[in-house]
Amino acid sequence: MPGPGSWILIALVALLIFGPKKLPELGKAAGDTLREFKNATKGLASDDEKDKKENADQ
């Protein structure tokens, strides 16, 4: 996992590549994508738990 210095460097490079106007849009899109991914993985985990409970009851 990158440390704080690495994150600052990544942010500066992104700022140089995309510019200050486009960066907030990219951040929002990345956040939305991460949120959807987390929700999808939660759904998979809860499905696995339900299957385990059903198999244990039988």
N, C-alpha and C. Protein backbone atom coordinates (compact mmCIF):
# COMPACT_ATOMS: atom_id res chain seq x y z
N MET A 1 0.86 -1.18 0.00
CA MET A 1 0.00 0.00 0.00
C MET A 1 0.90 1.23 0.00
N PRO A 2 0.61 2.15 -0.89
CA PRO A 2 1.44 3.37 -0.96
C PRO A 2 1.29 4.22 0.30
N GLY A 3 2.38 4.85 0.68
CA GLY A 3 2.37 5.73 1.84
C GLY A 3 1.85 7.11 1.46
N PRO A 4 1.80 8.04 2.42
CA PRO A 4 1.28 9.38 2.15
C PRO A 4 2.05 10.12 1.05
N GLY A 5 3.36 9.96 1.03
CA GLY A 5 4.15 10.63 -0.01
C GLY A 5 3.81 10.12 -1.40
N SER A 6 3.57 8.83 -1.49
CA SER A 6 3.20 8.24 -2.78
C SER A 6 1.84 8.74 -3.25
N TRP A 7 0.90 8.87 -2.31
CA TRP A 7 -0.43 9.37 -2.68
C TRP A 7 -0.35 10.81 -3.19
N ILE A 8 0.48 11.61 -2.56
CA ILE A 8 0.65 12.99 -3.00
C ILE A 8 1.23 13.02 -4.41
N LEU A 9 2.21 12.18 -4.66
CA LEU A 9 2.82 12.11 -5.99
C LEU A 9 1.81 11.66 -7.03
N ILE A 10 1.01 10.66 -6.70
CA ILE A 10 -0.03 10.18 -7.61
C ILE A 10 -1.03 11.30 -7.91
N ALA A 11 -1.44 12.05 -6.88
CA ALA A 11 -2.38 13.15 -7.07
C ALA A 11 -1.79 14.24 -7.96
N LEU A 12 -0.52 14.56 -7.77
CA LEU A 12 0.12 15.58 -8.60
C LEU A 12 0.22 15.14 -10.06
N VAL A 13 0.58 13.90 -10.28
CA VAL A 13 0.65 13.39 -11.65
C VAL A 13 -0.73 13.40 -12.30
N ALA A 14 -1.75 12.99 -11.56
CA ALA A 14 -3.12 13.02 -12.10
C ALA A 14 -3.54 14.44 -12.41
N LEU A 15 -3.16 15.38 -11.56
CA LEU A 15 -3.49 16.79 -11.80
C LEU A 15 -2.82 17.29 -13.07
N LEU A 16 -1.58 16.90 -13.27
CA LEU A 16 -0.87 17.32 -14.48
C LEU A 16 -1.46 16.69 -15.74
N ILE A 17 -1.86 15.44 -15.65
CA ILE A 17 -2.38 14.74 -16.82
C ILE A 17 -3.79 15.22 -17.18
N PHE A 18 -4.68 15.29 -16.20
CA PHE A 18 -6.08 15.56 -16.47
C PHE A 18 -6.48 17.02 -16.30
N GLY A 19 -5.74 17.77 -15.54
CA GLY A 19 -6.07 19.18 -15.31
C GLY A 19 -7.03 19.35 -14.16
N PRO A 20 -7.10 20.57 -13.62
CA PRO A 20 -7.93 20.82 -12.43
C PRO A 20 -9.43 20.75 -12.70
N LYS A 21 -9.87 20.97 -13.92
CA LYS A 21 -11.31 20.94 -14.20
C LYS A 21 -11.84 19.52 -14.31
N LYS A 22 -11.06 18.62 -14.83
CA LYS A 22 -11.50 17.25 -15.05
C LYS A 22 -11.32 16.36 -13.82
N LEU A 23 -10.42 16.73 -12.93
CA LEU A 23 -10.08 15.88 -11.79
C LEU A 23 -11.26 15.59 -10.85
N PRO A 24 -12.11 16.57 -10.49
CA PRO A 24 -13.26 16.24 -9.62
C PRO A 24 -14.22 15.24 -10.27
N GLU A 25 -14.41 15.36 -11.58
CA GLU A 25 -15.28 14.41 -12.27
C GLU A 25 -14.71 13.00 -12.21
N LEU A 26 -13.41 12.89 -12.39
CA LEU A 26 -12.76 11.58 -12.33
C LEU A 26 -12.84 11.00 -10.92
N GLY A 27 -12.68 11.84 -9.91
CA GLY A 27 -12.77 11.39 -8.53
C GLY A 27 -14.16 10.88 -8.20
N LYS A 28 -15.18 11.59 -8.67
CA LYS A 28 -16.56 11.18 -8.43
C LYS A 28 -16.84 9.85 -9.12
N ALA A 29 -16.38 9.72 -10.35
CA ALA A 29 -16.59 8.47 -11.09
C ALA A 29 -15.88 7.30 -10.40
N ALA A 30 -14.68 7.54 -9.91
CA ALA A 30 -13.94 6.48 -9.21
C ALA A 30 -14.65 6.10 -7.91
N GLY A 31 -15.17 7.09 -7.19
CA GLY A 31 -15.90 6.81 -5.96
C GLY A 31 -17.17 6.02 -6.21
N ASP A 32 -17.91 6.40 -7.26
CA ASP A 32 -19.13 5.67 -7.61
C ASP A 32 -18.81 4.22 -7.98
N THR A 33 -17.75 4.03 -8.74
CA THR A 33 -17.36 2.68 -9.14
C THR A 33 -16.97 1.85 -7.93
N LEU A 34 -16.21 2.43 -7.02
CA LEU A 34 -15.80 1.72 -5.81
C LEU A 34 -17.01 1.36 -4.95
N ARG A 35 -17.97 2.27 -4.84
CA ARG A 35 -19.18 2.01 -4.05
C ARG A 35 -19.96 0.85 -4.66
N GLU A 36 -20.12 0.84 -5.99
CA GLU A 36 -20.84 -0.25 -6.65
C GLU A 36 -20.12 -1.59 -6.45
N PHE A 37 -18.80 -1.56 -6.53
CA PHE A 37 -18.02 -2.79 -6.33
C PHE A 37 -18.20 -3.32 -4.91
N LYS A 38 -18.16 -2.44 -3.93
CA LYS A 38 -18.35 -2.87 -2.54
C LYS A 38 -19.74 -3.46 -2.33
N ASN A 39 -20.76 -2.81 -2.91
CA ASN A 39 -22.12 -3.33 -2.77
C ASN A 39 -22.25 -4.70 -3.43
N ALA A 40 -21.60 -4.88 -4.57
CA ALA A 40 -21.66 -6.17 -5.26
C ALA A 40 -20.97 -7.26 -4.44
N THR A 41 -19.84 -6.94 -3.85
CA THR A 41 -19.13 -7.95 -3.06
C THR A 41 -19.88 -8.26 -1.76
N LYS A 42 -20.57 -7.27 -1.20
CA LYS A 42 -21.40 -7.54 -0.01
C LYS A 42 -22.51 -8.51 -0.36
N GLY A 43 -23.11 -8.32 -1.54
CA GLY A 43 -24.17 -9.22 -1.99
C GLY A 43 -23.67 -10.63 -2.15
N LEU A 44 -22.48 -10.80 -2.70
CA LEU A 44 -21.90 -12.13 -2.85
C LEU A 44 -21.62 -12.77 -1.50
N ALA A 45 -21.11 -12.00 -0.57
CA ALA A 45 -20.80 -12.52 0.76
C ALA A 45 -22.07 -12.94 1.49
N SER A 46 -23.13 -12.14 1.38
CA SER A 46 -24.37 -12.48 2.07
C SER A 46 -25.01 -13.72 1.43
N ASP A 47 -24.87 -13.87 0.10
CA ASP A 47 -25.38 -15.08 -0.55
C ASP A 47 -24.64 -16.31 -0.06
N ASP A 48 -23.34 -16.21 0.12
CA ASP A 48 -22.56 -17.34 0.63
C ASP A 48 -22.99 -17.72 2.04
N GLU A 49 -23.24 -16.72 2.87
CA GLU A 49 -23.67 -16.99 4.25
C GLU A 49 -25.03 -17.68 4.26
N LYS A 50 -25.94 -17.24 3.38
CA LYS A 50 -27.26 -17.88 3.31
C LYS A 50 -27.12 -19.34 2.89
N ASP A 51 -26.26 -19.59 1.90
CA ASP A 51 -26.05 -20.97 1.45
C ASP A 51 -25.48 -21.83 2.56
N LYS A 52 -24.55 -21.30 3.34
CA LYS A 52 -23.95 -22.06 4.44
C LYS A 52 -25.01 -22.40 5.49
N LYS A 53 -25.88 -21.43 5.80
CA LYS A 53 -26.93 -21.67 6.79
C LYS A 53 -27.91 -22.72 6.30
N GLU A 54 -28.27 -22.65 5.01
CA GLU A 54 -29.20 -23.62 4.45
C GLU A 54 -28.59 -25.02 4.47
N ASN A 55 -27.32 -25.13 4.15
CA ASN A 55 -26.65 -26.43 4.15
C ASN A 55 -26.50 -26.97 5.57
N ALA A 56 -26.30 -26.09 6.54
CA ALA A 56 -26.15 -26.52 7.93
C ALA A 56 -27.49 -27.01 8.49
N ASP A 57 -28.59 -26.42 8.04
CA ASP A 57 -29.91 -26.81 8.52
C ASP A 57 -30.34 -28.17 7.98
N GLN A 58 -29.78 -28.59 6.87
CA GLN A 58 -30.22 -29.86 6.24
C GLN A 58 -29.59 -31.04 6.86
